[in-house]
Amino acid sequence: MKSVLIAEDSPLIRRLLRAALTACDWIACEEAENGRDAVVKAQELHPDVIVLDMTMPEMNCLQAARILKRVMPATPLLLFTTHSVANLEPEALAAGFQKVISKSDGPAAVISTILSLVA
């Protein structure tokens, strides 16, 4: 079974993503409330995919992505954000993200992107 690390400071969004993953026979191996915790948990658990929110306490997703790409270069990173995708995408891709997804597109967009990257 494929696993996903969810790094998101909103408990509601974490629950929605976890439910969507479960419905597709994936598991959320762990959740992180901030970028620093996401980096630590990713290195411990080696998930198949990491989904990060843009704005988190302690370390934002761009800072976390740069570290994760250095220590886990084969693990796909997805940015799930309320920020403007068009404005953020160039910087996110340069930091190591494979895809930027708007939260307005909902968890289904995350799931379809995960499936396209790690099928």
Foldseek 3Di string as FASTA:
>chain_A
DAEEEEADQDPVQVVQLQVVQVVVVYHHPYYHNALVVSLVVCVVPVGQEYEHEQDGPPDGPLRSLLSCCVVPVNRAYEYEYQDDCVVCVVSSVVSRHPYYHYCVVPSVVVVVVCVVVPD
